[in-house]
């Protein structure tokens, strides 16, 4: 049986750090208010001349180096992003050019904060069917470009960054199962106020910004993530105690804590980077995973549950052996 196994990870954060103290000077808020409600103390913001592809490239070369492969070995590139460089071509194609790779398939996936989970699920199918053997999968965002810095309900949450993984075909167990869901009826609870073919004037004027109804998003996220924990464990005939690490989307420490409680898991077994990274959308899970791999917490052979929830609404999980 062929499995999809993670063989290398990488992450990248822009140098510019925006602290809660900085935000206190920009909008009516406070460090205490932000920390109590989100757990966030700082976030990284891309420079004006940094693009999503720039961040993706830095994370990608770290993952490629960690996997010990050459760029010529890569036969598929998938980038999860909600903030691409251009409408087209895809950021994956731009990254492909930057890496001097030619000919293999490359495409973007847009599922907002669940984007990386969606991407891993797609990559797993490519590898299991023999369509690819060595895949570069990246989550990268420059969310700061679509944030209203006068809206304290959203500007305190989001940051920029990129995380990457090399996923290869292996006879050793890797990705065990993936579970994806979406429900568009909630589209107005977390959205951007303009686009190419709807409210295009807002996009042209730079007024297309993230809008969120926080309480409704929080309630639905906690409910759906709890359900997907049960779905994932049942599908793999596992008990909650069989999961060694939870690597969640880094949206809000209260949502993360609620999911850990559902698993009856100590927060010591939950990888959290939200305090220092903020919500980096599709980049948050691979960034958090890379941090925990590089600091030695996550070890080979351990069972990892990744889960995410994002605009759409979308939600999903990945269960894997690292």
Protein backbone atom coordinates (compact mmCIF):
# COMPACT_ATOMS: atom_id res chain seq x y z
CA UNK A 1 0.00 0.00 0.00
CA UNK A 2 1.25 3.49 -0.87
CA UNK A 3 1.04 6.20 1.78
CA UNK A 4 1.66 9.94 1.62
CA UNK A 5 4.39 10.73 4.13
CA UNK A 6 5.75 14.10 5.25
CA UNK A 7 9.51 14.10 4.71
CA UNK A 8 10.38 17.76 5.23
CA UNK A 9 8.90 20.92 6.71
CA UNK A 10 9.69 24.62 6.52
CA UNK A 11 8.29 27.91 7.71
CA UNK A 12 8.83 31.60 7.15
CA UNK A 13 7.61 34.75 8.89
CA UNK A 14 8.27 38.33 7.75
CA UNK A 15 10.70 40.31 9.90
CA UNK A 16 8.22 43.06 10.72
CA UNK A 17 6.46 42.32 14.04
CA UNK A 18 3.28 44.13 15.03
CA UNK A 19 2.62 43.84 18.77
CA UNK A 20 -0.56 44.47 20.71
CA UNK A 21 1.12 47.59 22.08
CA UNK A 22 1.54 48.81 18.50
CA UNK A 23 -2.15 48.19 17.83
CA UNK A 24 -3.11 50.21 20.90
CA UNK A 25 -1.73 53.24 19.04
CA UNK A 26 -3.72 52.45 15.89
CA UNK A 27 -7.19 51.47 17.11
CA UNK A 28 -9.23 51.50 20.30
CA UNK A 29 -8.07 48.27 21.93
CA UNK A 30 -5.71 47.00 24.60
CA UNK A 31 -3.21 44.21 25.07
CA UNK A 32 -5.39 42.75 27.83
CA UNK A 33 -8.51 42.79 25.66
CA UNK A 34 -6.72 41.06 22.75
CA UNK A 35 -4.97 38.41 24.88
CA UNK A 36 -8.07 37.52 26.90
CA UNK A 37 -10.21 37.02 23.80
CA UNK A 38 -7.72 35.55 21.34
CA UNK A 39 -4.45 34.60 23.04
CA UNK A 40 -2.55 36.71 20.49
CA UNK A 41 0.31 38.98 21.61
CA UNK A 42 1.93 39.73 18.25
CA UNK A 43 1.76 38.97 14.54
CA UNK A 44 4.15 39.32 11.58
CA UNK A 45 3.38 41.70 8.72
CA UNK A 46 4.89 41.49 5.24
CA UNK A 47 6.80 44.49 3.94
CA UNK A 48 5.16 46.45 1.14
CA UNK A 49 7.42 44.82 -1.44
CA UNK A 50 6.93 41.25 -0.13
CA UNK A 51 4.42 39.05 -1.93
CA UNK A 52 2.69 35.82 -1.00
CA UNK A 53 5.03 34.03 -3.43
CA UNK A 54 8.05 35.53 -1.66
CA UNK A 55 6.90 34.07 1.65
CA UNK A 56 6.01 30.74 0.03
CA UNK A 57 9.45 30.50 -1.56
CA UNK A 58 11.28 30.98 1.74
CA UNK A 59 9.20 28.28 3.44
CA UNK A 60 9.53 25.97 0.43
CA UNK A 61 13.32 26.01 0.26
CA UNK A 62 13.48 25.18 3.97
CA UNK A 63 11.13 22.22 3.50
CA UNK A 64 13.05 21.00 0.43
CA UNK A 65 16.31 21.20 2.37
CA UNK A 66 14.81 19.34 5.34
CA UNK A 67 13.54 16.57 3.04
CA UNK A 68 16.98 16.18 1.47
CA UNK A 69 15.62 16.27 -2.06
CA UNK A 70 16.44 18.25 -5.19
CA UNK A 71 13.90 20.54 -6.81
CA UNK A 72 13.97 18.29 -9.89
CA UNK A 73 12.42 15.53 -7.74
CA UNK A 74 9.21 17.53 -7.25
CA UNK A 75 6.40 16.42 -9.57
CA UNK A 76 3.52 18.50 -8.19
CA UNK A 77 3.19 21.89 -6.48
CA UNK A 78 0.07 22.87 -4.54
CA UNK A 79 -0.29 26.24 -2.82
CA UNK A 80 -3.11 26.96 -0.39
CA UNK A 81 -3.77 30.69 -0.25
CA UNK A 82 -6.58 33.19 -0.07
CA UNK A 83 -4.26 36.11 -0.91
CA UNK A 84 -2.55 35.15 -4.18
CA UNK A 85 -0.05 37.40 -5.93
CA UNK A 86 -2.34 37.76 -8.93
CA UNK A 87 -5.76 36.68 -10.10
CA UNK A 88 -3.79 34.55 -12.56
CA UNK A 89 -1.44 32.86 -13.03
CA UNK A 90 -1.64 30.91 -9.80
CA UNK A 91 0.82 31.54 -7.00
CA UNK A 92 1.83 27.88 -7.43
CA UNK A 93 2.99 28.64 -10.98
CA UNK A 94 4.88 31.71 -9.78
CA UNK A 95 6.53 29.60 -7.07
CA UNK A 96 7.36 26.93 -9.63
CA UNK A 97 9.22 29.50 -11.73
CA UNK A 98 11.05 30.85 -8.67
CA UNK A 99 12.25 27.34 -7.84
CA UNK A 100 13.35 26.78 -11.47
CA UNK A 101 11.03 23.79 -11.83
CA UNK A 102 9.46 23.20 -15.24
CA UNK A 103 6.68 20.96 -16.51
CA UNK A 104 5.04 19.49 -13.43
CA UNK A 105 1.47 20.40 -12.49
CA UNK A 106 1.05 23.42 -10.22
CA UNK A 107 -2.17 24.93 -8.86
CA UNK A 108 -3.70 26.88 -5.98
CA UNK A 109 -6.39 25.83 -3.54
CA UNK A 110 -8.69 28.38 -1.89
CA UNK A 111 -10.49 27.23 1.24
CA UNK A 112 -9.33 30.13 3.43
CA UNK A 113 -8.16 28.91 6.87
CA UNK A 114 -8.91 25.28 5.97
CA UNK A 115 -6.83 25.63 2.81
CA UNK A 116 -3.83 23.63 3.94
CA UNK A 117 -6.01 20.74 5.16
CA UNK A 118 -7.78 20.75 1.78
CA UNK A 119 -4.39 20.83 0.04
CA UNK A 120 -3.03 17.88 2.01
CA UNK A 121 -6.18 15.90 1.20
CA UNK A 122 -5.77 16.57 -2.53
CA UNK A 123 -2.05 15.75 -2.40
CA UNK A 124 -2.81 12.49 -0.60
CA UNK A 125 -5.15 11.45 -3.41
CA UNK A 126 -2.52 12.25 -6.06
CA UNK A 127 0.07 10.12 -4.30
CA UNK A 128 -2.22 7.21 -3.43
CA UNK A 129 -3.35 6.94 -7.07
CA UNK A 130 0.22 7.05 -8.35
CA UNK A 131 -0.23 10.40 -10.11
CA UNK A 132 2.58 11.99 -8.07
CA UNK A 133 5.44 10.78 -5.89
CA UNK A 134 7.05 13.92 -4.50
CA UNK A 135 4.87 16.93 -3.78
CA UNK A 136 5.60 20.40 -2.49
CA UNK A 137 2.58 21.73 -0.61
CA UNK A 138 2.57 25.26 0.79
CA UNK A 139 0.23 27.45 2.80
CA UNK A 140 1.04 31.14 2.36
CA UNK A 141 -0.79 34.37 3.12
CA UNK A 142 -0.40 38.14 3.10
CA UNK A 143 -3.67 38.79 4.90
CA UNK A 144 -2.49 42.21 6.04
CA UNK A 145 -3.34 43.45 2.52
CA UNK A 146 -7.09 42.89 3.05
CA UNK A 147 -7.42 43.95 6.69
CA UNK A 148 -9.26 47.09 7.75
CA UNK A 149 -6.81 48.51 10.28
CA UNK A 150 -9.60 50.61 11.78
CA UNK A 151 -11.72 47.56 12.61
CA UNK A 152 -10.59 46.29 15.99
CA UNK A 153 -12.65 43.12 15.67
CA UNK A 154 -10.48 41.88 12.79
CA UNK A 155 -7.21 43.81 12.71
CA UNK A 156 -6.02 42.24 15.97
CA UNK A 157 -6.40 38.71 14.64
CA UNK A 158 -4.50 38.25 11.42
CA UNK A 159 -0.87 38.05 10.34
CA UNK A 160 1.29 37.04 7.39
CA UNK A 161 3.48 33.98 6.90
CA UNK A 162 4.07 30.72 5.05
CA UNK A 163 4.54 27.08 5.92
CA UNK A 164 5.56 24.24 3.60
CA UNK A 165 5.87 20.47 3.51
CA UNK A 166 7.40 17.95 1.17
CA UNK A 167 5.10 14.94 0.96
CA UNK A 168 6.38 11.77 -0.70
CA UNK A 169 5.11 8.33 -1.60
CA UNK A 170 6.13 5.78 1.00
CA UNK A 171 5.42 2.22 2.10
CA UNK A 172 5.48 3.47 5.70
CA UNK A 173 2.23 4.84 7.12
CA UNK A 174 1.81 8.59 6.71
CA UNK A 175 -1.52 10.32 6.08
CA UNK A 176 -4.15 7.92 7.45
CA UNK A 177 -7.30 9.82 6.52
CA UNK A 178 -8.60 13.26 5.57
CA UNK A 179 -12.06 14.69 6.11
CA UNK A 180 -13.37 17.78 4.32
CA UNK A 181 -16.61 19.76 4.67
CA UNK A 182 -18.15 23.05 3.62
CA UNK A 183 -21.45 24.90 4.00
CA UNK A 184 -21.93 28.04 1.95
CA UNK A 185 -25.03 29.16 3.82
CA UNK A 186 -22.69 30.83 6.30
CA UNK A 187 -20.92 32.88 3.62
CA UNK A 188 -21.75 36.28 5.11
CA UNK A 189 -20.38 35.52 8.59
CA UNK A 190 -16.75 35.58 7.44
CA UNK A 191 -16.05 37.13 4.07
CA UNK A 192 -14.27 39.79 2.06
CA UNK A 193 -16.48 42.66 0.96
CA UNK A 194 -15.50 42.72 -2.72
CA UNK A 195 -14.14 40.65 -5.58
CA UNK A 196 -13.60 40.37 -9.32
CA UNK A 197 -17.20 39.78 -10.42
CA UNK A 198 -19.10 40.92 -7.31
CA UNK A 199 -18.68 44.40 -5.84
CA UNK A 200 -15.69 44.87 -8.12
CA UNK A 201 -15.67 48.60 -7.39
CA UNK A 202 -14.54 47.81 -3.83
CA UNK A 203 -11.65 45.75 -5.13
CA UNK A 204 -10.61 48.53 -7.50
CA UNK A 205 -10.78 51.17 -4.75
CA UNK A 206 -8.96 49.05 -2.18
CA UNK A 207 -12.06 48.86 0.01
CA UNK A 208 -12.43 45.07 -0.19
CA UNK A 209 -11.66 44.04 3.39
CA UNK A 210 -12.25 41.12 5.75
CA UNK A 211 -15.63 41.23 7.51
CA UNK A 212 -16.43 38.90 10.40
CA UNK A 213 -19.29 38.29 12.81
CA UNK A 214 -17.09 36.98 15.57
CA UNK A 215 -19.59 35.42 17.98
CA UNK A 216 -21.37 33.45 15.27
CA UNK A 217 -18.07 32.26 13.79
CA UNK A 218 -16.82 31.16 17.21
CA UNK A 219 -19.95 29.13 18.01
CA UNK A 220 -20.00 27.36 14.65
CA UNK A 221 -16.25 26.67 14.74
CA UNK A 222 -16.39 25.02 18.16
CA UNK A 223 -19.38 22.90 17.12
CA UNK A 224 -18.02 21.71 13.76
CA UNK A 225 -14.49 21.05 15.02
CA UNK A 226 -15.91 18.95 17.83
CA UNK A 227 -17.88 16.94 15.29
CA UNK A 228 -14.89 16.40 13.03
CA UNK A 229 -12.83 15.07 15.93
CA UNK A 230 -15.46 12.36 16.41
CA UNK A 231 -15.69 11.69 12.67
CA UNK A 232 -11.92 11.31 12.30
CA UNK A 233 -11.47 9.01 15.28
CA UNK A 234 -14.44 6.85 14.30
CA UNK A 235 -13.18 6.49 10.72
CA UNK A 236 -9.83 5.21 12.01
CA UNK A 237 -11.25 3.18 14.92
CA UNK A 238 -9.13 5.11 17.37
CA UNK A 239 -9.67 6.37 20.89
CA UNK A 240 -8.98 9.95 21.91
CA UNK A 241 -5.97 8.74 23.87
CA UNK A 242 -4.39 7.38 20.65
CA UNK A 243 -3.70 10.93 19.39
CA UNK A 244 -0.26 12.15 20.45
CA UNK A 245 -0.48 15.73 19.20
CA UNK A 246 -3.16 18.16 18.11
CA UNK A 247 -1.95 20.69 15.53
CA UNK A 248 -4.91 23.02 15.02
CA UNK A 249 -5.47 26.05 12.86
CA UNK A 250 -4.23 28.96 14.93
CA UNK A 251 -7.33 31.16 14.97
CA UNK A 252 -8.13 31.75 18.60
CA UNK A 253 -6.84 30.15 21.79
CA UNK A 254 -10.40 29.65 23.05
CA UNK A 255 -11.36 27.62 19.96
CA UNK A 256 -8.14 25.61 20.26
CA UNK A 257 -8.80 24.94 23.97
CA UNK A 258 -12.36 23.79 23.22
CA UNK A 259 -11.08 21.25 20.67
CA UNK A 260 -8.43 20.00 23.09
CA UNK A 261 -11.13 19.56 25.74
CA UNK A 262 -13.17 17.53 23.25
CA UNK A 263 -10.15 15.24 22.84
CA UNK A 264 -9.58 15.19 26.61
CA UNK A 265 -6.08 16.32 25.74
CA UNK A 266 -3.79 18.42 27.91
CA UNK A 267 -2.77 21.71 26.33
CA UNK A 268 0.80 20.46 26.72
CA UNK A 269 0.03 18.11 23.82
CA UNK A 270 -1.41 20.87 21.65
CA UNK A 271 0.89 22.86 19.37
CA UNK A 272 0.03 26.54 19.70
CA UNK A 273 1.73 29.40 17.90
CA UNK A 274 -1.20 31.83 17.87
CA UNK A 275 0.42 33.93 20.61
CA UNK A 276 3.33 34.88 18.34
CA UNK A 277 1.94 34.35 14.82
CA UNK A 278 -1.70 35.41 15.07
CA UNK A 279 -4.08 33.88 12.54
CA UNK A 280 -2.13 33.25 9.32
CA UNK A 281 -5.03 31.41 7.66
CA UNK A 282 -3.79 28.66 5.31
CA UNK A 283 -0.24 29.08 6.62
CA UNK A 284 -1.02 28.45 10.28
CA UNK A 285 -1.03 24.63 10.43
CA UNK A 286 2.20 24.07 8.44
CA UNK A 287 3.89 26.89 10.38
CA UNK A 288 2.87 25.36 13.72
CA UNK A 289 3.83 21.86 12.60
CA UNK A 290 7.25 23.05 11.45
CA UNK A 291 7.88 24.77 14.79
CA UNK A 292 7.05 21.60 16.74
CA UNK A 293 9.14 19.36 14.46
CA UNK A 294 12.16 21.63 14.64
CA UNK A 295 12.05 22.08 18.43
CA UNK A 296 11.80 18.31 18.90
CA UNK A 297 8.33 18.02 20.36
CA UNK A 298 6.86 16.03 17.47
CA UNK A 299 8.75 12.79 16.88
CA UNK A 300 8.67 10.17 14.13
CA UNK A 301 6.01 7.53 14.64
CA UNK A 302 3.64 9.76 16.59
CA UNK A 303 -0.01 10.23 15.65
CA UNK A 304 -0.98 13.78 14.70
CA UNK A 305 -4.43 15.30 14.29
CA UNK A 306 -4.66 18.50 12.26
CA UNK A 307 -7.94 20.38 12.10
CA UNK A 308 -9.10 23.71 10.73
CA UNK A 309 -12.13 25.92 10.23
CA UNK A 310 -12.43 28.87 7.86
CA UNK A 311 -14.57 31.14 5.74
CA UNK A 312 -17.07 29.43 3.51
CA UNK A 313 -17.65 27.96 5.98
CA UNK A 314 -15.08 25.24 5.36
CA UNK A 315 -13.70 22.77 7.88
CA UNK A 316 -11.62 19.63 7.81
CA UNK A 317 -9.07 17.35 9.42
CA UNK A 318 -6.02 15.24 8.63
CA UNK A 319 -4.93 12.29 10.73
CA UNK A 320 -1.38 11.12 10.11
CA UNK A 321 1.60 9.21 11.39
CA UNK A 322 4.67 11.37 11.35
